[in-house]
Amino acid sequence: MRATFSKDAGNNDEFKASFLPDVVGSFDYVYRYSTTGGRTWLYTDQSGPLAAGALPTQPGRLTVSAGADTTAPATPTGLRVDSASPAGVVLSWDAVTGDASLYGYEVRRSSAGSDPATVALVTASTFTDTSVQQGVAYTYTVRAVDGSFNRSADSAAVTAVAELRTVTVVFTVTVPAHTDTSGFAVNIAGSLNRLDGGLPEWNPGGAALTRLNATTWQITVTGKEFTQIEYKYALGSWDYVEKDGVCGEIANRQLTLGYGANGTQSVSDTVQNWRNSANFGGTCGN
C-alpha cells in the first residue's frame, strides 16, 4: 500500500496509509522507503531504520477483529468501458451512495478459459487495468465492499478488447509565400503506407494537402496509435522538396501517433523553403 505525505513532524516528514485487512488476527507491520526511485529499499519500525537483513524489534501491531456488521452493501450499477487499448482498459461505474460503512470496490476480471479473479480493491469508482494483452477480450464485474468486508453481489458484466485505437491526425503546414506562384500542390511524402487508406510510401506527389490560404495547407489522415512514421513535404516532385532557411537539406520529420484525450492529434509544421524555388520566386537553386 503506497503511503502519502501527511505533514511535517519537526525535521521529519510524516506519511500515512490505509488498507482494509480481510483476515481476522494479529499482525506485525513495518514501513519501507526508497531514496533511489525504487531501485533499493530501506525498512523501518518504531525504533527507526533497520540494518540490512535485520529483523524488526519494534514493529507496528495490528489486531483485526470480526465486525458486528453483516449487511452487504448495495450492488454497483452502470459499469462501463471508457476506453480499451494495449495501454490499459479504463473502467468506471456509478458510486454506491448513502452507506457510511462502504470502503470501496473489488474489480473482478476473467478471460477465455479463466475463472473470475479480483484484480484490484479501489476506493474510487474508476479503475485502469494495465495488465492486459493486445487482442485479448476481458470480462469485468465490480462489487462493493464495506469496512467489515461484506461484499455485494457482482455488477452486470462488461467486456473489453485491448485493441489499438484509431488516431485522427491533422497535419497543418505553413509554407513560404511564393509557394502559390509555383503552380504546384503541397504534398506529404513518407512512410505513409503504415497509416490507413492505402497511402503510398515516399511518393512526393501521392498525398496532396488542401490549400486553406496562400501560406497554409492541411491534410487529415488516420492510423493506429503508437504507429511511427517519417515524412517530408514536397511540391509533387523531389525536385521541389522542402529545404531549411539557407537552402540546406533537412532530416526526415518523425511522428508517433498518440491517442491523447479524444483520439485527435494535431501536427503543425513550417516549411522554410523549397528546392529549386528560385524558379518561382524563392531563393533556393538545385
Protein backbone atom coordinates (compact mmCIF):
# COMPACT_ATOMS: atom_id res chain seq x y z
CA MET A 1 0.00 0.00 0.00
CA ARG A 2 1.54 3.32 -1.08
CA ALA A 3 1.83 5.90 1.70
CA THR A 4 1.16 9.60 1.04
CA PHE A 5 2.65 12.68 2.66
CA SER A 6 0.72 13.77 5.74
CA LYS A 7 2.60 16.67 7.39
CA ASP A 8 5.93 17.93 8.67
CA ALA A 9 6.92 16.40 12.02
CA GLY A 10 9.80 18.50 13.30
CA ASN A 11 12.70 17.88 10.96
CA ASN A 12 10.97 14.81 9.54
CA ASP A 13 8.22 14.11 7.04
CA GLU A 14 5.18 12.15 8.18
CA PHE A 15 3.49 9.74 5.77
CA LYS A 16 0.25 7.82 6.18
CA ALA A 17 -1.51 4.91 4.50
CA SER A 18 -4.69 2.90 4.96
CA PHE A 19 -5.68 -0.59 3.98
CA LEU A 20 -8.55 -2.99 4.52
CA PRO A 21 -7.47 -6.29 6.12
CA ASP A 22 -9.61 -9.25 5.12
CA VAL A 23 -8.40 -11.77 7.72
CA VAL A 24 -9.11 -11.79 11.45
CA GLY A 25 -5.98 -11.98 13.65
CA SER A 26 -2.94 -10.10 14.95
CA PHE A 27 -0.24 -8.87 12.60
CA ASP A 28 3.10 -7.07 12.64
CA TYR A 29 3.92 -4.42 10.04
CA VAL A 30 6.80 -2.15 9.04
CA TYR A 31 7.29 0.69 6.57
CA ARG A 32 9.73 0.71 3.71
CA TYR A 33 11.01 3.68 1.69
CA SER A 34 13.32 4.34 -1.22
CA THR A 35 15.70 7.19 -1.93
CA THR A 36 16.72 5.72 -5.31
CA GLY A 37 13.42 5.76 -7.16
CA GLY A 38 12.61 2.17 -6.18
CA ARG A 39 15.92 0.55 -7.14
CA THR A 40 16.71 -0.16 -3.47
CA TRP A 41 14.59 -0.07 -0.33
CA LEU A 42 15.17 0.65 3.37
CA TYR A 43 12.93 -0.74 6.11
CA THR A 44 11.95 0.90 9.39
CA ASP A 45 9.98 0.01 12.50
CA GLN A 46 9.00 2.15 15.50
CA SER A 47 12.66 2.32 16.62
CA GLY A 48 13.85 3.76 13.31
CA PRO A 49 15.65 2.44 10.20
CA LEU A 50 16.70 -1.21 10.25
CA ALA A 51 20.14 -2.50 9.37
CA ALA A 52 20.31 -4.52 6.17
CA GLY A 53 18.97 -8.01 6.82
CA ALA A 54 17.89 -7.22 10.40
CA LEU A 55 14.52 -8.26 11.77
CA PRO A 56 12.32 -5.53 13.28
CA THR A 57 12.38 -5.38 17.07
CA GLN A 58 9.53 -2.88 17.39
CA PRO A 59 7.14 -3.47 14.52
CA GLY A 60 3.73 -1.89 14.38
CA ARG A 61 0.97 -4.09 15.76
CA LEU A 62 -2.42 -4.55 14.12
CA THR A 63 -5.28 -6.54 15.60
CA VAL A 64 -8.20 -7.36 13.30
CA SER A 65 -11.46 -8.37 14.94
CA ALA A 66 -14.66 -9.58 13.37
CA GLY A 67 -17.19 -6.77 12.93
CA ALA A 68 -20.78 -6.86 14.05
CA ASP A 69 -21.98 -5.60 10.66
CA THR A 70 -23.12 -8.48 8.47
CA THR A 71 -25.16 -6.48 5.95
CA ALA A 72 -23.73 -6.38 2.43
CA PRO A 73 -23.61 -3.03 0.63
CA ALA A 74 -25.68 -2.32 -2.47
CA THR A 75 -24.53 -3.72 -5.80
CA PRO A 76 -22.76 -1.17 -8.04
CA THR A 77 -24.52 -0.21 -11.26
CA GLY A 78 -23.53 1.44 -14.51
CA LEU A 79 -20.26 -0.41 -15.10
CA ARG A 80 -18.84 0.75 -18.44
CA VAL A 81 -15.69 0.63 -20.54
CA ASP A 82 -14.42 4.17 -21.11
CA SER A 83 -11.55 3.06 -23.36
CA ALA A 84 -9.63 -0.10 -24.21
CA SER A 85 -6.16 -0.42 -25.70
CA PRO A 86 -2.91 -2.29 -25.03
CA ALA A 87 -2.04 0.60 -22.70
CA GLY A 88 -4.95 -0.35 -20.44
CA VAL A 89 -8.69 -0.87 -20.07
CA VAL A 90 -10.34 2.10 -18.34
CA LEU A 91 -13.48 1.24 -16.36
CA SER A 92 -15.91 3.39 -14.42
CA TRP A 93 -19.22 2.83 -12.65
CA ASP A 94 -21.83 4.63 -10.59
CA ALA A 95 -20.68 5.06 -7.00
CA VAL A 96 -22.70 3.44 -4.22
CA THR A 97 -24.08 6.25 -2.07
CA GLY A 98 -25.74 6.55 1.33
CA ASP A 99 -23.74 3.74 3.00
CA ALA A 100 -21.49 5.06 5.77
CA SER A 101 -19.80 1.66 6.12
CA LEU A 102 -18.73 1.47 2.46
CA TYR A 103 -14.99 1.05 1.96
CA GLY A 104 -14.58 0.57 -1.79
CA TYR A 105 -14.93 -1.80 -4.70
CA GLU A 106 -13.39 -5.05 -5.85
CA VAL A 107 -12.77 -5.25 -9.60
CA ARG A 108 -13.14 -8.79 -10.94
CA ARG A 109 -11.78 -9.97 -14.30
CA SER A 110 -11.90 -13.09 -16.43
CA SER A 111 -10.84 -14.03 -19.94
CA ALA A 112 -11.34 -17.09 -22.12
CA GLY A 113 -10.51 -20.20 -20.14
CA SER A 114 -10.04 -18.42 -16.81
CA ASP A 115 -12.22 -18.06 -13.73
CA PRO A 116 -13.08 -14.58 -12.43
CA ALA A 117 -10.42 -13.19 -10.12
CA THR A 118 -10.11 -9.98 -8.13
CA VAL A 119 -7.53 -7.72 -9.79
CA ALA A 120 -7.96 -4.60 -7.66
CA LEU A 121 -9.51 -3.15 -4.49
CA VAL A 122 -10.12 0.57 -5.04
CA THR A 123 -11.92 3.33 -3.19
CA ALA A 124 -12.81 5.40 -6.26
CA SER A 125 -15.48 4.42 -8.81
CA THR A 126 -12.95 4.05 -11.60
CA PHE A 127 -10.07 1.69 -12.38
CA THR A 128 -7.50 1.29 -15.16
CA ASP A 129 -6.36 -2.27 -15.79
CA THR A 130 -2.85 -2.02 -17.25
CA SER A 131 -2.08 -5.75 -17.05
CA VAL A 132 -3.72 -6.55 -20.38
CA GLN A 133 -2.53 -8.09 -23.63
CA GLN A 134 -3.32 -6.81 -27.11
CA GLY A 135 -6.21 -8.56 -28.82
CA VAL A 136 -7.47 -10.36 -25.71
CA ALA A 137 -11.09 -9.97 -24.60
CA TYR A 138 -11.59 -9.38 -20.88
CA THR A 139 -14.86 -9.53 -18.94
CA TYR A 140 -15.22 -7.35 -15.84
CA THR A 141 -17.59 -7.02 -12.91
CA VAL A 142 -17.34 -4.92 -9.74
CA ARG A 143 -18.74 -5.47 -6.27
CA ALA A 144 -18.95 -3.12 -3.30
CA VAL A 145 -17.05 -3.88 -0.09
CA ASP A 146 -17.69 -2.35 3.32
CA GLY A 147 -15.43 -1.89 6.34
CA SER A 148 -16.45 -5.28 7.75
CA PHE A 149 -15.60 -6.92 4.44
CA ASN A 150 -19.16 -7.68 3.50
CA ARG A 151 -19.39 -7.91 -0.27
CA SER A 152 -22.28 -7.07 -2.55
CA ALA A 153 -23.34 -9.21 -5.46
CA ASP A 154 -21.40 -8.73 -8.70
CA SER A 155 -22.49 -5.96 -11.01
CA ALA A 156 -23.60 -6.59 -14.56
CA ALA A 157 -20.61 -7.62 -16.65
CA VAL A 158 -18.89 -5.70 -19.44
CA THR A 159 -16.38 -6.97 -21.98
CA ALA A 160 -13.45 -5.07 -23.49
CA VAL A 161 -10.84 -6.00 -26.09
CA ALA A 162 -7.42 -4.40 -25.71
CA GLU A 163 -7.10 -3.31 -29.33
CA LEU A 164 -5.04 -0.46 -30.75
CA ARG A 165 -7.23 2.63 -31.19
CA THR A 166 -7.55 4.72 -34.33
CA VAL A 167 -5.99 8.19 -34.21
CA THR A 168 -7.06 11.04 -36.48
CA VAL A 169 -4.00 13.14 -37.35
CA VAL A 170 -4.42 16.65 -38.73
CA PHE A 171 -1.27 17.96 -40.41
CA THR A 172 -1.22 21.74 -40.87
CA VAL A 173 1.83 23.18 -42.62
CA THR A 174 2.84 26.79 -43.11
CA VAL A 175 4.69 27.30 -46.40
CA PRO A 176 6.63 30.19 -48.00
CA ALA A 177 4.54 32.94 -49.59
CA HIS A 178 5.99 32.16 -53.02
CA THR A 179 4.53 28.61 -52.99
CA ASP A 180 1.39 29.71 -54.86
CA THR A 181 3.46 31.00 -57.76
CA SER A 182 4.90 27.52 -58.36
CA GLY A 183 1.54 26.22 -59.55
CA PHE A 184 2.11 23.01 -57.62
CA ALA A 185 0.16 21.47 -54.75
CA VAL A 186 1.82 20.77 -51.43
CA ASN A 187 2.19 17.04 -50.77
CA ILE A 188 3.27 14.98 -47.78
CA ALA A 189 5.57 12.05 -48.53
CA GLY A 190 6.95 9.38 -46.22
CA SER A 191 6.22 6.03 -44.65
CA LEU A 192 2.51 6.77 -45.03
CA ASN A 193 1.83 3.16 -46.01
CA ARG A 194 1.86 2.48 -42.25
CA LEU A 195 -1.35 4.51 -41.95
CA ASP A 196 -4.92 3.75 -43.04
CA GLY A 197 -6.29 4.31 -46.52
CA GLY A 198 -3.64 2.75 -48.75
CA LEU A 199 -1.42 5.83 -48.89
CA PRO A 200 1.80 5.47 -50.93
CA GLU A 201 5.28 5.11 -49.44
CA TRP A 202 7.65 8.02 -50.07
CA ASN A 203 5.79 9.35 -53.09
CA PRO A 204 6.34 13.13 -53.38
CA GLY A 205 3.11 13.53 -55.35
CA GLY A 206 0.92 10.86 -53.81
CA ALA A 207 -0.76 12.64 -50.90
CA ALA A 208 -1.82 16.21 -51.68
CA LEU A 209 -2.84 18.63 -48.96
CA THR A 210 -5.77 21.03 -49.19
CA ARG A 211 -4.95 24.72 -49.61
CA LEU A 212 -6.50 26.83 -46.83
CA ASN A 213 -4.85 30.09 -47.87
CA ALA A 214 -1.69 31.32 -49.61
CA THR A 215 0.61 30.05 -46.84
CA THR A 216 -1.39 27.28 -45.11
CA TRP A 217 -2.15 23.75 -46.30
CA GLN A 218 -3.77 20.85 -44.44
CA ILE A 219 -4.44 17.12 -44.65
CA THR A 220 -6.23 14.69 -42.30
CA VAL A 221 -5.21 11.03 -42.09
CA THR A 222 -5.90 8.13 -39.72
CA GLY A 223 -3.78 5.36 -38.27
CA LYS A 224 -3.37 3.15 -35.23
CA GLU A 225 -1.97 4.59 -32.02
CA PHE A 226 1.79 4.11 -31.41
CA THR A 227 2.48 3.91 -35.16
CA GLN A 228 5.76 5.66 -36.01
CA ILE A 229 6.25 7.44 -39.33
CA GLU A 230 8.83 9.62 -41.06
CA TYR A 231 7.85 12.26 -43.62
CA LYS A 232 8.71 15.38 -45.59
CA TYR A 233 6.80 17.92 -47.66
CA ALA A 234 7.29 18.36 -51.40
CA LEU A 235 5.62 20.10 -54.33
CA GLY A 236 4.76 16.93 -56.22
CA SER A 237 8.39 16.04 -57.03
CA TRP A 238 11.69 15.51 -55.21
CA ASP A 239 12.95 18.37 -57.38
CA TYR A 240 10.84 20.60 -55.13
CA VAL A 241 11.32 19.01 -51.69
CA GLU A 242 11.43 21.18 -48.58
CA LYS A 243 14.70 22.84 -47.51
CA ASP A 244 15.81 24.80 -44.46
CA GLY A 245 16.12 28.58 -44.26
CA VAL A 246 19.52 28.61 -46.00
CA CYS A 247 18.52 26.02 -48.61
CA GLY A 248 20.22 23.15 -46.80
CA GLU A 249 19.00 19.57 -46.55
CA ILE A 250 16.84 18.68 -43.55
CA ALA A 251 16.30 15.38 -41.76
CA ASN A 252 13.09 13.45 -42.15
CA ARG A 253 10.35 14.63 -39.82
CA GLN A 254 9.25 12.00 -37.28
CA LEU A 255 5.92 11.35 -35.60
CA THR A 256 4.46 8.73 -33.25
CA LEU A 257 0.68 8.57 -33.32
CA GLY A 258 -0.82 9.19 -29.89
CA TYR A 259 -4.49 8.79 -28.97
CA GLY A 260 -4.44 11.51 -26.30
CA ALA A 261 -7.71 12.54 -24.68
CA ASN A 262 -10.03 12.23 -27.68
CA GLY A 263 -8.21 10.41 -30.48
CA THR A 264 -7.30 13.53 -32.46
CA GLN A 265 -3.66 14.57 -32.87
CA SER A 266 -2.75 17.95 -34.36
CA VAL A 267 0.63 18.48 -36.01
CA SER A 268 1.84 21.95 -37.02
CA ASP A 269 4.88 22.21 -39.30
CA THR A 270 6.65 25.02 -41.13
CA VAL A 271 8.42 24.73 -44.48
CA GLN A 272 11.11 27.41 -44.79
CA ASN A 273 11.95 26.94 -48.48
CA TRP A 274 11.71 24.60 -51.45
CA ARG A 275 14.41 23.09 -53.60
CA ASN A 276 14.63 24.94 -56.92
CA SER A 277 12.35 27.66 -55.55
CA ALA A 278 14.42 30.23 -57.47
CA ASN A 279 12.28 29.14 -60.43
CA PHE A 280 9.19 30.70 -58.86
CA GLY A 281 10.23 33.50 -56.53
CA GLY A 282 12.23 31.71 -53.84
CA THR A 283 15.95 31.69 -53.15
CA CYS A 284 16.98 28.05 -53.47
CA GLY A 285 18.54 26.53 -56.55
CA ASN A 286 19.34 22.92 -57.24
